[in-house]
């Protein structure tokens, strides 16, 4: 598992160099200073109301949250904010909640060819619970959905090459 994380970090840095991202010392410093992932959970009082979740993506291909949690059946209002500066064409982000058991790698690879559909492969729609549109730096988008059945669900950014590092888990707890 540690080897996968290190490999993913190396691939991310290589991708950023290829895309003309900041200087190498800047990238190394930012990678070293990466804060531990935070978790956003809906407050207990939100069960009867809508759970408000906000997740950010940046120009370093990172979500600020690796874990989200909501109660089963909860109405969720999720806002994705792109806090970077790069355009949607160069460094677009979306938030895709995958059905349990979905092969993230297969989905991510298929997404590369689905530009016209917001990087959501149309032949894999049954594996998508919900998703946002693709946004660029300084933009945000919001979706509203009902939390699925109790369990663990992967979420990713399906923009080409992002799924390997921009991913996390939505935990759906008993309602």
Foldseek 3Di string as FASTA:
>chain_A
DVVLVVVLLVVLLVVCVVLVHDDPVVSVVCVVPQDPADEAEFDPVCQVPEGEEEWEAEPSLEISHQEYEYAAFHKYKYKYAYAYAFWLVRRWWKKWWFDPPDDLVVLLVQLQPVVVPQSGRPVCVVGTPDMWHIGTHGDMTIDIDTHHDADKIKMATSHHPNRSHYMHIYGHHHD
